[in-house]
Amino acid sequence: MSKAVPSTGLERIELERLRARVGRLFAALQEAADLVAPQVPGAWLPPADLCESDSEVVVCVELPGMRAEQIELTLTGAQLRVSGKKKKSATHGVISHLCSERSYGQFTRVIPLRWPIRVSDASAELKDGVLTVRLPKLKDRRGGEFRVPIKETDER
């Protein structure tokens, strides 16, 4: 019969690291599953590019035929959400479509942000059917290092 050996501090730390890595893996799988299929029947996902430089993250979303007032853009420190509704253009005198490959209807595209960004300095521009969102990065992820002065008192 074997005795249960209590785990050491290092083993607990490794278990916590493993648990955190598995949690990140499940989060990544959920993001991928959300991107594959639209969540609402009749919805569509506009194609997007995500690019990174030293100073900013740039998101480009193809939204042909849409105007700025038809698009809603919301931003938090964790995600960028692009949503709206693309209406079908009126076709005069058309009896039936022989082929229709363009997407219409409601859409929501959520792009997770894995960088610390300055939300208040973000900008967006719609030009030639491409929405370009510029998200400036924070220079230092952890903040600067500074000394904290220590006051000494005589009381005990």
Protein backbone atom coordinates (compact mmCIF):
# COMPACT_ATOMS: atom_id res chain seq x y z
CA MET A 1 0.00 0.00 0.00
CA SER A 2 1.38 3.40 -0.94
CA LYS A 3 1.03 6.61 1.02
CA ALA A 4 -0.15 9.83 -0.53
CA VAL A 5 2.76 12.21 -0.73
CA PRO A 6 1.87 15.84 -0.14
CA SER A 7 2.62 18.04 -3.14
CA THR A 8 5.45 20.48 -2.87
CA GLY A 9 5.18 24.14 -3.70
CA LEU A 10 6.83 23.61 -7.09
CA GLU A 11 4.36 20.88 -8.05
CA ARG A 12 1.46 23.17 -7.16
CA ILE A 13 2.94 25.96 -9.23
CA GLU A 14 3.32 23.62 -12.22
CA LEU A 15 -0.28 22.44 -11.81
CA GLU A 16 -1.49 26.05 -11.79
CA ARG A 17 0.52 26.79 -14.93
CA LEU A 18 -0.94 23.74 -16.65
CA ARG A 19 -4.46 24.74 -15.61
CA ALA A 20 -3.91 28.26 -16.97
CA ARG A 21 -2.56 26.90 -20.28
CA VAL A 22 -5.54 24.57 -20.69
CA GLY A 23 -7.86 27.49 -19.94
CA ARG A 24 -6.20 29.60 -22.65
CA LEU A 25 -6.50 26.68 -25.08
CA PHE A 26 -10.24 26.38 -24.45
CA ALA A 27 -10.64 30.15 -24.89
CA ALA A 28 -8.80 29.99 -28.23
CA LEU A 29 -10.99 27.08 -29.36
CA GLN A 30 -14.13 29.03 -28.45
CA GLU A 31 -12.91 32.05 -30.43
CA ALA A 32 -12.21 29.84 -33.44
CA ALA A 33 -15.64 28.21 -33.21
CA ASP A 34 -17.32 31.62 -33.04
CA LEU A 35 -15.49 32.75 -36.18
CA VAL A 36 -16.41 29.66 -38.23
CA ALA A 37 -20.20 29.91 -38.13
CA PRO A 38 -22.43 32.97 -37.87
CA GLN A 39 -24.38 32.95 -34.61
CA VAL A 40 -27.65 34.30 -36.03
CA PRO A 41 -29.49 32.62 -38.91
CA GLY A 42 -29.13 34.79 -42.00
CA ALA A 43 -26.07 36.54 -40.58
CA TRP A 44 -22.78 36.77 -42.42
CA LEU A 45 -19.20 37.47 -41.43
CA PRO A 46 -17.30 40.09 -43.37
CA PRO A 47 -13.65 39.14 -44.00
CA ALA A 48 -11.10 40.87 -41.77
CA ASP A 49 -7.33 41.31 -41.60
CA LEU A 50 -5.48 41.86 -38.35
CA CYS A 51 -1.97 43.36 -38.55
CA GLU A 52 0.50 44.39 -35.88
CA SER A 53 3.39 46.85 -35.89
CA ASP A 54 5.58 48.09 -33.06
CA SER A 55 3.24 50.99 -32.33
CA GLU A 56 -0.26 49.84 -33.27
CA VAL A 57 -2.68 47.08 -34.21
CA VAL A 58 -4.60 47.62 -37.46
CA VAL A 59 -7.87 45.86 -38.26
CA CYS A 60 -9.26 46.01 -41.81
CA VAL A 61 -12.80 44.75 -42.46
CA GLU A 62 -14.33 44.46 -45.93
CA LEU A 63 -17.78 46.06 -45.97
CA PRO A 64 -18.55 46.80 -49.64
CA GLY A 65 -21.56 48.97 -50.34
CA MET A 66 -21.97 50.07 -46.73
CA ARG A 67 -21.97 53.59 -45.31
CA ALA A 68 -20.48 54.66 -41.99
CA GLU A 69 -23.91 55.23 -40.40
CA GLN A 70 -24.82 51.57 -41.07
CA ILE A 71 -21.85 50.31 -39.04
CA GLU A 72 -21.54 50.18 -35.26
CA LEU A 73 -18.04 49.98 -33.83
CA THR A 74 -17.45 49.29 -30.13
CA LEU A 75 -14.12 48.82 -28.41
CA THR A 76 -13.01 47.60 -25.01
CA GLY A 77 -9.57 46.69 -23.76
CA ALA A 78 -10.31 43.05 -24.61
CA GLN A 79 -12.19 43.12 -27.93
CA LEU A 80 -13.27 45.07 -30.99
CA ARG A 81 -16.86 44.54 -32.15
CA VAL A 82 -17.99 45.53 -35.66
CA SER A 83 -21.69 45.10 -36.36
CA GLY A 84 -24.39 46.39 -38.65
CA LYS A 85 -26.89 45.45 -41.30
CA LYS A 86 -26.26 45.40 -45.04
CA LYS A 87 -29.47 45.91 -46.96
CA LYS A 88 -30.14 44.41 -50.35
CA SER A 89 -30.21 47.04 -53.06
CA ALA A 90 -33.48 47.61 -54.85
CA THR A 91 -33.59 45.88 -58.22
CA HIS A 92 -35.94 47.54 -60.68
CA GLY A 93 -37.72 45.27 -63.12
CA VAL A 94 -35.95 42.09 -62.04
CA ILE A 95 -38.21 39.03 -61.96
CA SER A 96 -35.73 36.58 -60.41
CA HIS A 97 -32.04 36.31 -59.67
CA LEU A 98 -30.07 33.82 -61.73
CA CYS A 99 -27.12 34.02 -59.36
CA SER A 100 -26.66 35.89 -56.07
CA GLU A 101 -23.32 35.45 -54.29
CA ARG A 102 -23.15 38.68 -52.30
CA SER A 103 -24.00 38.62 -48.61
CA TYR A 104 -26.75 40.71 -47.05
CA GLY A 105 -28.33 41.02 -43.66
CA GLN A 106 -27.15 41.49 -40.14
CA PHE A 107 -23.55 40.85 -39.12
CA THR A 108 -21.41 40.97 -36.01
CA ARG A 109 -17.68 40.45 -36.05
CA VAL A 110 -15.86 40.24 -32.71
CA ILE A 111 -12.08 40.46 -32.82
CA PRO A 112 -10.31 39.58 -29.58
CA LEU A 113 -7.43 41.87 -28.68
CA ARG A 114 -4.41 40.29 -27.06
CA TRP A 115 -2.44 43.52 -26.80
CA PRO A 116 -2.74 46.35 -24.31
CA ILE A 117 -4.11 49.28 -26.32
CA ARG A 118 -5.03 52.91 -25.71
CA VAL A 119 -8.78 52.67 -26.25
CA SER A 120 -9.29 56.45 -26.12
CA ASP A 121 -6.84 57.05 -29.00
CA ALA A 122 -8.38 54.53 -31.43
CA SER A 123 -9.49 55.77 -34.86
CA ALA A 124 -11.57 54.34 -37.71
CA GLU A 125 -11.98 55.20 -41.38
CA LEU A 126 -14.28 53.77 -44.07
CA LYS A 127 -12.82 54.13 -47.57
CA ASP A 128 -13.69 52.20 -50.74
CA GLY A 129 -15.69 49.60 -48.79
CA VAL A 130 -12.87 48.83 -46.33
CA LEU A 131 -13.17 49.80 -42.68
CA THR A 132 -9.71 50.44 -41.20
CA VAL A 133 -9.45 50.63 -37.41
CA ARG A 134 -6.17 51.79 -35.88
CA LEU A 135 -5.54 50.78 -32.28
CA PRO A 136 -2.42 52.37 -30.74
CA LYS A 137 -0.53 50.09 -28.39
CA LEU A 138 0.47 51.00 -24.88
CA LYS A 139 4.23 51.49 -24.75
CA ASP A 140 4.81 49.48 -21.59
CA ARG A 141 2.62 46.53 -20.64
CA ARG A 142 3.47 46.51 -16.96
CA GLY A 143 3.97 50.19 -16.37
CA GLY A 144 7.15 51.90 -15.41
CA GLU A 145 9.25 51.05 -12.42
CA PHE A 146 9.36 53.63 -9.68
CA ARG A 147 10.61 53.86 -6.13
CA VAL A 148 8.14 54.09 -3.30
CA PRO A 149 9.41 56.26 -0.48
CA ILE A 150 9.28 54.71 2.96
CA LYS A 151 8.46 56.88 5.96
CA GLU A 152 9.98 55.84 9.21
CA THR A 153 8.08 56.48 12.40
CA ASP A 154 9.28 56.15 15.95
CA GLU A 155 6.04 54.60 17.20
CA ARG A 156 5.95 50.93 18.11
